[in-house]
PDB file of all heavy atoms in Angstrom:
ATOM      1  N   TYR A   1     -22.757  34.051   4.880  1.00  0.00           N
ATOM      2  CA  TYR A   1     -22.663  32.756   4.204  1.00  0.00           C
ATOM      3  C   TYR A   1     -23.957  32.003   4.418  1.00  0.00           C
ATOM      4  O   TYR A   1     -24.504  32.025   5.508  1.00  0.00           O
ATOM      5  CB  TYR A   1     -21.473  31.962   4.750  1.00  0.00           C
ATOM      6  CG  TYR A   1     -20.178  32.697   4.547  1.00  0.00           C
ATOM      7  CD1 TYR A   1     -19.705  33.546   5.545  1.00  0.00           C
ATOM      8  CD2 TYR A   1     -19.457  32.568   3.388  1.00  0.00           C
ATOM      9  CE1 TYR A   1     -18.522  34.257   5.368  1.00  0.00           C
ATOM     10  CE2 TYR A   1     -18.282  33.271   3.177  1.00  0.00           C
ATOM     11  CZ  TYR A   1     -17.815  34.114   4.183  1.00  0.00           C
ATOM     12  OH  TYR A   1     -16.666  34.803   3.987  1.00  0.00           O
ATOM     13  N   THR A   2     -24.407  31.334   3.386  1.00  0.00           N
ATOM     14  CA  THR A   2     -25.648  30.563   3.457  1.00  0.00           C
ATOM     15  C   THR A   2     -25.349  29.094   3.223  1.00  0.00           C
ATOM     16  O   THR A   2     -24.689  28.741   2.245  1.00  0.00           O
ATOM     17  CB  THR A   2     -26.680  31.048   2.432  1.00  0.00           C
ATOM     18  OG1 THR A   2     -26.950  32.426   2.641  1.00  0.00           O
ATOM     19  CG2 THR A   2     -27.984  30.267   2.534  1.00  0.00           C
ATOM     20  N   LEU A   3     -25.823  28.259   4.133  1.00  0.00           N
ATOM     21  CA  LEU A   3     -25.777  26.823   4.000  1.00  0.00           C
ATOM     22  C   LEU A   3     -27.237  26.383   3.819  1.00  0.00           C
ATOM     23  O   LEU A   3     -28.082  26.720   4.623  1.00  0.00           O
ATOM     24  CB  LEU A   3     -25.193  26.199   5.277  1.00  0.00           C
ATOM     25  CG  LEU A   3     -25.215  24.690   5.372  1.00  0.00           C
ATOM     26  CD1 LEU A   3     -24.264  24.062   4.379  1.00  0.00           C
ATOM     27  CD2 LEU A   3     -24.822  24.263   6.781  1.00  0.00           C
ATOM     28  N   THR A   4     -27.492  25.657   2.733  1.00  0.00           N
ATOM     29  CA  THR A   4     -28.864  25.203   2.484  1.00  0.00           C
ATOM     30  C   THR A   4     -28.956  23.717   2.739  1.00  0.00           C
ATOM     31  O   THR A   4     -28.236  22.926   2.134  1.00  0.00           O
ATOM     32  CB  THR A   4     -29.282  25.522   1.021  1.00  0.00           C
ATOM     33  OG1 THR A   4     -29.167  26.938   0.835  1.00  0.00           O
ATOM     34  CG2 THR A   4     -30.720  25.095   0.770  1.00  0.00           C
ATOM     35  N   VAL A   5     -29.845  23.327   3.661  1.00  0.00           N
ATOM     36  CA  VAL A   5     -30.098  21.909   3.908  1.00  0.00           C
ATOM     37  C   VAL A   5     -31.320  21.527   3.070  1.00  0.00           C
ATOM     38  O   VAL A   5     -32.317  22.239   3.071  1.00  0.00           O
ATOM     39  CB  VAL A   5     -30.271  21.607   5.418  1.00  0.00           C
ATOM     40  CG1 VAL A   5     -31.438  22.356   6.016  1.00  0.00           C
ATOM     41  CG2 VAL A   5     -30.423  20.132   5.665  1.00  0.00           C
ATOM     42  N   ARG A   6     -31.202  20.423   2.344  1.00  0.00           N
ATOM     43  CA  ARG A   6     -32.242  20.039   1.381  1.00  0.00           C
ATOM     44  C   ARG A   6     -32.591  18.565   1.550  1.00  0.00           C
ATOM     45  O   ARG A   6     -31.693  17.731   1.655  1.00  0.00           O
ATOM     46  CB  ARG A   6     -31.738  20.293  -0.042  1.00  0.00           C
ATOM     47  CG  ARG A   6     -32.712  20.079  -1.124  1.00  0.00           C
ATOM     48  CD  ARG A   6     -32.121  20.377  -2.494  1.00  0.00           C
ATOM     49  NE  ARG A   6     -31.240  21.537  -2.549  1.00  0.00           N
ATOM     50  CZ  ARG A   6     -31.636  22.789  -2.735  1.00  0.00           C
ATOM     51  NH1 ARG A   6     -32.910  23.060  -2.909  1.00  0.00           N
ATOM     52  NH2 ARG A   6     -30.767  23.772  -2.774  1.00  0.00           N
ATOM     53  N   ASN A   7     -33.880  18.260   1.576  1.00  0.00           N
ATOM     54  CA  ASN A   7     -34.339  16.872   1.588  1.00  0.00           C
ATOM     55  C   ASN A   7     -34.510  16.449   0.128  1.00  0.00           C
ATOM     56  O   ASN A   7     -35.450  16.859  -0.537  1.00  0.00           O
ATOM     57  CB  ASN A   7     -35.665  16.750   2.346  1.00  0.00           C
ATOM     58  CG  ASN A   7     -36.194  15.338   2.345  1.00  0.00           C
ATOM     59  OD1 ASN A   7     -35.578  14.419   1.822  1.00  0.00           O
ATOM     60  ND2 ASN A   7     -37.352  15.149   2.948  1.00  0.00           N
ATOM     61  N   THR A   8     -33.595  15.600  -0.357  1.00  0.00           N
ATOM     62  CA  THR A   8     -33.635  15.209  -1.756  1.00  0.00           C
ATOM     63  C   THR A   8     -34.479  13.971  -2.009  1.00  0.00           C
ATOM     64  O   THR A   8     -34.646  13.584  -3.150  1.00  0.00           O
ATOM     65  CB  THR A   8     -32.214  14.950  -2.278  1.00  0.00           C
ATOM     66  OG1 THR A   8     -31.619  13.907  -1.500  1.00  0.00           O
ATOM     67  CG2 THR A   8     -31.381  16.229  -2.209  1.00  0.00           C
ATOM     68  N   CYS A   9     -35.008  13.360  -0.965  1.00  0.00           N
ATOM     69  CA  CYS A   9     -35.802  12.133  -1.162  1.00  0.00           C
ATOM     70  C   CYS A   9     -37.300  12.438  -1.249  1.00  0.00           C
ATOM     71  O   CYS A   9     -37.724  13.586  -1.054  1.00  0.00           O
ATOM     72  CB  CYS A   9     -35.516  11.112  -0.079  1.00  0.00           C
ATOM     73  SG  CYS A   9     -36.126  11.547   1.542  1.00  0.00           S
ATOM     74  N   GLY A  10     -38.076  11.433  -1.510  1.00  0.00           N
ATOM     75  CA  GLY A  10     -39.510  11.580  -1.694  1.00  0.00           C
ATOM     76  C   GLY A  10     -40.322  11.409  -0.433  1.00  0.00           C
ATOM     77  O   GLY A  10     -41.555  11.378  -0.499  1.00  0.00           O
ATOM     78  N   GLN A  11     -39.671  11.254   0.695  1.00  0.00           N
ATOM     79  CA  GLN A  11     -40.358  11.080   1.991  1.00  0.00           C
ATOM     80  C   GLN A  11     -39.916  12.200   2.941  1.00  0.00           C
ATOM     81  O   GLN A  11     -38.784  12.676   2.866  1.00  0.00           O
ATOM     82  CB  GLN A  11     -39.966   9.745   2.623  1.00  0.00           C
ATOM     83  CG  GLN A  11     -40.364   8.529   1.800  1.00  0.00           C
ATOM     84  CD  GLN A  11     -41.871   8.390   1.686  1.00  0.00           C
ATOM     85  OE1 GLN A  11     -42.590   8.636   2.624  1.00  0.00           O
ATOM     86  NE2 GLN A  11     -42.339   7.980   0.518  1.00  0.00           N
ATOM     87  N   PRO A  12     -40.781  12.605   3.890  1.00  0.00           N
ATOM     88  CA  PRO A  12     -40.341  13.576   4.877  1.00  0.00           C
ATOM     89  C   PRO A  12     -39.257  12.962   5.780  1.00  0.00           C
ATOM     90  O   PRO A  12     -39.212  11.773   5.980  1.00  0.00           O
ATOM     91  CB  PRO A  12     -41.613  13.835   5.717  1.00  0.00           C
ATOM     92  CG  PRO A  12     -42.737  13.210   4.981  1.00  0.00           C
ATOM     93  CD  PRO A  12     -42.180  12.192   4.055  1.00  0.00           C
ATOM     94  N   VAL A  13     -38.374  13.802   6.258  1.00  0.00           N
ATOM     95  CA  VAL A  13     -37.386  13.412   7.262  1.00  0.00           C
ATOM     96  C   VAL A  13     -37.645  14.243   8.522  1.00  0.00           C
ATOM     97  O   VAL A  13     -38.022  15.410   8.449  1.00  0.00           O
ATOM     98  CB  VAL A  13     -35.925  13.534   6.773  1.00  0.00           C
ATOM     99  CG1 VAL A  13     -35.641  12.511   5.701  1.00  0.00           C
ATOM    100  CG2 VAL A  13     -35.636  14.932   6.275  1.00  0.00           C
ATOM    101  N   GLN A  14     -37.475  13.612   9.671  1.00  0.00           N
ATOM    102  CA  GLN A  14     -37.770  14.262  10.940  1.00  0.00           C
ATOM    103  C   GLN A  14     -36.489  14.478  11.748  1.00  0.00           C
ATOM    104  O   GLN A  14     -35.461  13.886  11.456  1.00  0.00           O
ATOM    105  CB  GLN A  14     -38.729  13.401  11.800  1.00  0.00           C
ATOM    106  CG  GLN A  14     -40.129  13.286  11.247  1.00  0.00           C
ATOM    107  CD  GLN A  14     -40.268  12.234  10.175  1.00  0.00           C
ATOM    108  OE1 GLN A  14     -39.518  11.264  10.126  1.00  0.00           O
ATOM    109  NE2 GLN A  14     -41.200  12.437   9.266  1.00  0.00           N
ATOM    110  N   LYS A  15     -36.615  15.304  12.756  1.00  0.00           N
ATOM    111  CA  LYS A  15     -35.529  15.577  13.696  1.00  0.00           C
ATOM    112  C   LYS A  15     -34.259  15.981  12.986  1.00  0.00           C
ATOM    113  O   LYS A  15     -33.168  15.515  13.318  1.00  0.00           O
ATOM    114  CB  LYS A  15     -35.305  14.391  14.630  1.00  0.00           C
ATOM    115  CG  LYS A  15     -36.496  14.063  15.492  1.00  0.00           C
ATOM    116  CD  LYS A  15     -36.200  12.909  16.444  1.00  0.00           C
ATOM    117  CE  LYS A  15     -37.416  12.572  17.256  1.00  0.00           C
ATOM    118  NZ  LYS A  15     -37.172  11.451  18.143  1.00  0.00           N
ATOM    119  N   VAL A  16     -34.386  16.857  11.991  1.00  0.00           N
ATOM    120  CA  VAL A  16     -33.219  17.316  11.236  1.00  0.00           C
ATOM    121  C   VAL A  16     -32.451  18.317  12.102  1.00  0.00           C
ATOM    122  O   VAL A  16     -33.004  19.283  12.615  1.00  0.00           O
ATOM    123  CB  VAL A  16     -33.650  17.985   9.907  1.00  0.00           C
ATOM    124  CG1 VAL A  16     -32.437  18.541   9.158  1.00  0.00           C
ATOM    125  CG2 VAL A  16     -34.449  17.013   9.054  1.00  0.00           C
ATOM    126  N   VAL A  17     -31.171  18.028  12.278  1.00  0.00           N
ATOM    127  CA  VAL A  17     -30.271  18.897  13.054  1.00  0.00           C
ATOM    128  C   VAL A  17     -29.052  19.185  12.179  1.00  0.00           C
ATOM    129  O   VAL A  17     -28.436  18.279  11.629  1.00  0.00           O
ATOM    130  CB  VAL A  17     -29.819  18.244  14.376  1.00  0.00           C
ATOM    131  CG1 VAL A  17     -28.822  19.106  15.100  1.00  0.00           C
ATOM    132  CG2 VAL A  17     -31.044  17.988  15.249  1.00  0.00           C
ATOM    133  N   VAL A  18     -28.719  20.468  12.026  1.00  0.00           N
ATOM    134  CA  VAL A  18     -27.544  20.886  11.259  1.00  0.00           C
ATOM    135  C   VAL A  18     -26.555  21.530  12.229  1.00  0.00           C
ATOM    136  O   VAL A  18     -26.938  22.361  13.054  1.00  0.00           O
ATOM    137  CB  VAL A  18     -27.937  21.910  10.166  1.00  0.00           C
ATOM    138  CG1 VAL A  18     -26.700  22.380   9.389  1.00  0.00           C
ATOM    139  CG2 VAL A  18     -28.965  21.305   9.229  1.00  0.00           C
ATOM    140  N   GLN A  19     -25.288  21.139  12.093  1.00  0.00           N
ATOM    141  CA  GLN A  19     -24.236  21.724  12.918  1.00  0.00           C
ATOM    142  C   GLN A  19     -23.115  22.214  12.017  1.00  0.00           C
ATOM    143  O   GLN A  19     -22.789  21.573  11.022  1.00  0.00           O
ATOM    144  CB  GLN A  19     -23.680  20.691  13.889  1.00  0.00           C
ATOM    145  CG  GLN A  19     -24.760  20.214  14.884  1.00  0.00           C
ATOM    146  CD  GLN A  19     -24.222  19.194  15.850  1.00  0.00           C
ATOM    147  OE1 GLN A  19     -23.410  19.517  16.687  1.00  0.00           O
ATOM    148  NE2 GLN A  19     -24.690  17.935  15.726  1.00  0.00           N
ATOM    149  N   VAL A  20     -22.548  23.363  12.379  1.00  0.00           N
ATOM    150  CA  VAL A  20     -21.435  23.946  11.627  1.00  0.00           C
ATOM    151  C   VAL A  20     -20.344  24.321  12.611  1.00  0.00           C
ATOM    152  O   VAL A  20     -20.628  25.030  13.605  1.00  0.00           O
ATOM    153  CB  VAL A  20     -21.883  25.188  10.824  1.00  0.00           C
ATOM    154  CG1 VAL A  20     -20.692  25.873  10.162  1.00  0.00           C
ATOM    155  CG2 VAL A  20     -22.921  24.828   9.794  1.00  0.00           C
ATOM    156  N   ARG A  21     -19.127  23.871  12.336  1.00  0.00           N
ATOM    157  CA  ARG A  21     -17.970  24.260  13.141  1.00  0.00           C
ATOM    158  C   ARG A  21     -17.178  25.291  12.352  1.00  0.00           C
ATOM    159  O   ARG A  21     -16.817  25.044  11.200  1.00  0.00           O
ATOM    160  CB  ARG A  21     -17.081  23.057  13.443  1.00  0.00           C
ATOM    161  CG  ARG A  21     -15.856  23.421  14.308  1.00  0.00           C
ATOM    162  CD  ARG A  21     -14.898  22.252  14.486  1.00  0.00           C
ATOM    163  NE  ARG A  21     -15.539  21.021  14.880  1.00  0.00           N
ATOM    164  CZ  ARG A  21     -15.906  20.704  16.143  1.00  0.00           C
ATOM    165  NH1 ARG A  21     -15.675  21.547  17.118  1.00  0.00           N
ATOM    166  NH2 ARG A  21     -16.469  19.544  16.385  1.00  0.00           N
ATOM    167  N   VAL A  22     -16.931  26.428  12.983  1.00  0.00           N
ATOM    168  CA  VAL A  22     -16.108  27.468  12.341  1.00  0.00           C
ATOM    169  C   VAL A  22     -14.746  27.495  12.996  1.00  0.00           C
ATOM    170  O   VAL A  22     -14.584  27.094  14.170  1.00  0.00           O
ATOM    171  CB  VAL A  22     -16.792  28.865  12.437  1.00  0.00           C
ATOM    172  CG1 VAL A  22     -18.124  28.875  11.699  1.00  0.00           C
ATOM    173  CG2 VAL A  22     -16.996  29.287  13.870  1.00  0.00           C
ATOM    174  N   PRO A  23     -13.715  27.938  12.284  1.00  0.00           N
ATOM    175  CA  PRO A  23     -12.367  27.982  12.870  1.00  0.00           C
ATOM    176  C   PRO A  23     -12.319  28.921  14.080  1.00  0.00           C
ATOM    177  O   PRO A  23     -13.099  29.856  14.197  1.00  0.00           O
ATOM    178  CB  PRO A  23     -11.511  28.551  11.718  1.00  0.00           C
ATOM    179  CG  PRO A  23     -12.290  28.282  10.482  1.00  0.00           C
ATOM    180  CD  PRO A  23     -13.739  28.330  10.894  1.00  0.00           C
ATOM    181  N   LYS A  24     -11.387  28.632  14.980  1.00  0.00           N
ATOM    182  CA  LYS A  24     -11.285  29.387  16.229  1.00  0.00           C
ATOM    183  C   LYS A  24     -10.989  30.867  16.012  1.00  0.00           C
ATOM    184  O   LYS A  24     -11.426  31.712  16.792  1.00  0.00           O
ATOM    185  CB  LYS A  24     -10.196  28.798  17.106  1.00  0.00           C
ATOM    186  CG  LYS A  24     -10.575  27.430  17.641  1.00  0.00           C
ATOM    187  CD  LYS A  24      -9.503  26.855  18.523  1.00  0.00           C
ATOM    188  CE  LYS A  24      -9.974  25.454  18.953  1.00  0.00           C
ATOM    189  NZ  LYS A  24      -8.996  24.778  19.771  1.00  0.00           N
ATOM    190  N   ASP A  25     -10.286  31.219  14.912  1.00  0.00           N
ATOM    191  CA  ASP A  25      -9.978  32.631  14.694  1.00  0.00           C
ATOM    192  C   ASP A  25     -11.096  33.407  13.972  1.00  0.00           C
ATOM    193  O   ASP A  25     -11.017  34.597  13.795  1.00  0.00           O
ATOM    194  CB  ASP A  25      -8.666  32.783  13.924  1.00  0.00           C
ATOM    195  CG  ASP A  25      -8.697  32.083  12.569  1.00  0.00           C
ATOM    196  OD1 ASP A  25      -9.591  31.262  12.341  1.00  0.00           O
ATOM    197  OD2 ASP A  25      -7.797  32.381  11.745  1.00  0.00           O
ATOM    198  N   ALA A  26     -12.166  32.731  13.602  1.00  0.00           N
ATOM    199  CA  ALA A  26     -13.320  33.385  12.962  1.00  0.00           C
ATOM    200  C   ALA A  26     -14.305  33.818  14.037  1.00  0.00           C
ATOM    201  O   ALA A  26     -14.447  33.189  15.084  1.00  0.00           O
ATOM    202  CB  ALA A  26     -14.007  32.444  11.989  1.00  0.00           C
ATOM    203  N   THR A  27     -14.999  34.923  13.760  1.00  0.00           N
ATOM    204  CA  THR A  27     -15.990  35.457  14.686  1.00  0.00           C
ATOM    205  C   THR A  27     -17.348  35.454  14.010  1.00  0.00           C
ATOM    206  O   THR A  27     -17.521  36.075  12.966  1.00  0.00           O
ATOM    207  CB  THR A  27     -15.643  36.898  15.099  1.00  0.00           C
ATOM    208  OG1 THR A  27     -14.323  36.909  15.665  1.00  0.00           O
ATOM    209  CG2 THR A  27     -16.635  37.425  16.109  1.00  0.00           C
ATOM    210  N   VAL A  28     -18.310  34.759  14.614  1.00  0.00           N
ATOM    211  CA  VAL A  28     -19.696  34.735  14.097  1.00  0.00           C
ATOM    212  C   VAL A  28     -20.469  35.804  14.840  1.00  0.00           C
ATOM    213  O   VAL A  28     -20.608  35.739  16.074  1.00  0.00           O
ATOM    214  CB  VAL A  28     -20.323  33.349  14.262  1.00  0.00           C
ATOM    215  CG1 VAL A  28     -21.791  33.367  13.793  1.00  0.00           C
ATOM    216  CG2 VAL A  28     -19.541  32.286  13.467  1.00  0.00           C
ATOM    217  N   SER A  29     -20.990  36.768  14.112  1.00  0.00           N
ATOM    218  CA  SER A  29     -21.728  37.851  14.770  1.00  0.00           C
ATOM    219  C   SER A  29     -23.227  37.685  14.694  1.00  0.00           C
ATOM    220  O   SER A  29     -23.961  38.309  15.470  1.00  0.00           O
ATOM    221  CB  SER A  29     -21.314  39.221  14.165  1.00  0.00           C
ATOM    222  OG  SER A  29     -21.590  39.215  12.774  1.00  0.00           O
ATOM    223  N   ALA A  30     -23.710  36.826  13.783  1.00  0.00           N
ATOM    224  CA  ALA A  30     -25.161  36.609  13.654  1.00  0.00           C
ATOM    225  C   ALA A  30     -25.425  35.303  12.946  1.00  0.00           C
ATOM    226  O   ALA A  30     -24.622  34.848  12.149  1.00  0.00           O
ATOM    227  CB  ALA A  30     -25.810  37.763  12.886  1.00  0.00           C
ATOM    228  N   THR A  31     -26.570  34.714  13.277  1.00  0.00           N
ATOM    229  CA  THR A  31     -27.088  33.537  12.572  1.00  0.00           C
ATOM    230  C   THR A  31     -28.555  33.748  12.325  1.00  0.00           C
ATOM    231  O   THR A  31     -29.246  34.422  13.099  1.00  0.00           O
ATOM    232  CB  THR A  31     -26.877  32.246  13.392  1.00  0.00           C
ATOM    233  OG1 THR A  31     -27.560  32.355  14.643  1.00  0.00           O
ATOM    234  CG2 THR A  31     -25.407  31.951  13.633  1.00  0.00           C
ATOM    235  N   ALA A  32     -29.054  33.190  11.230  1.00  0.00           N
ATOM    236  CA  ALA A  32     -30.488  33.296  10.929  1.00  0.00           C
ATOM    237  C   ALA A  32     -30.932  32.019  10.237  1.00  0.00           C
ATOM    238  O   ALA A  32     -30.342  31.639   9.242  1.00  0.00           O
ATOM    239  CB  ALA A  32     -30.759  34.509  10.043  1.00  0.00           C
TER     240      ALA A  32
END
């Protein structure tokens, strides 16, 4: 699954942090 974070404004944004919570019964085997 791909989540794309996009800056839609005309100025840079700093200290961008993305968090994703997955359900307890799901298993994440890799992230990139």
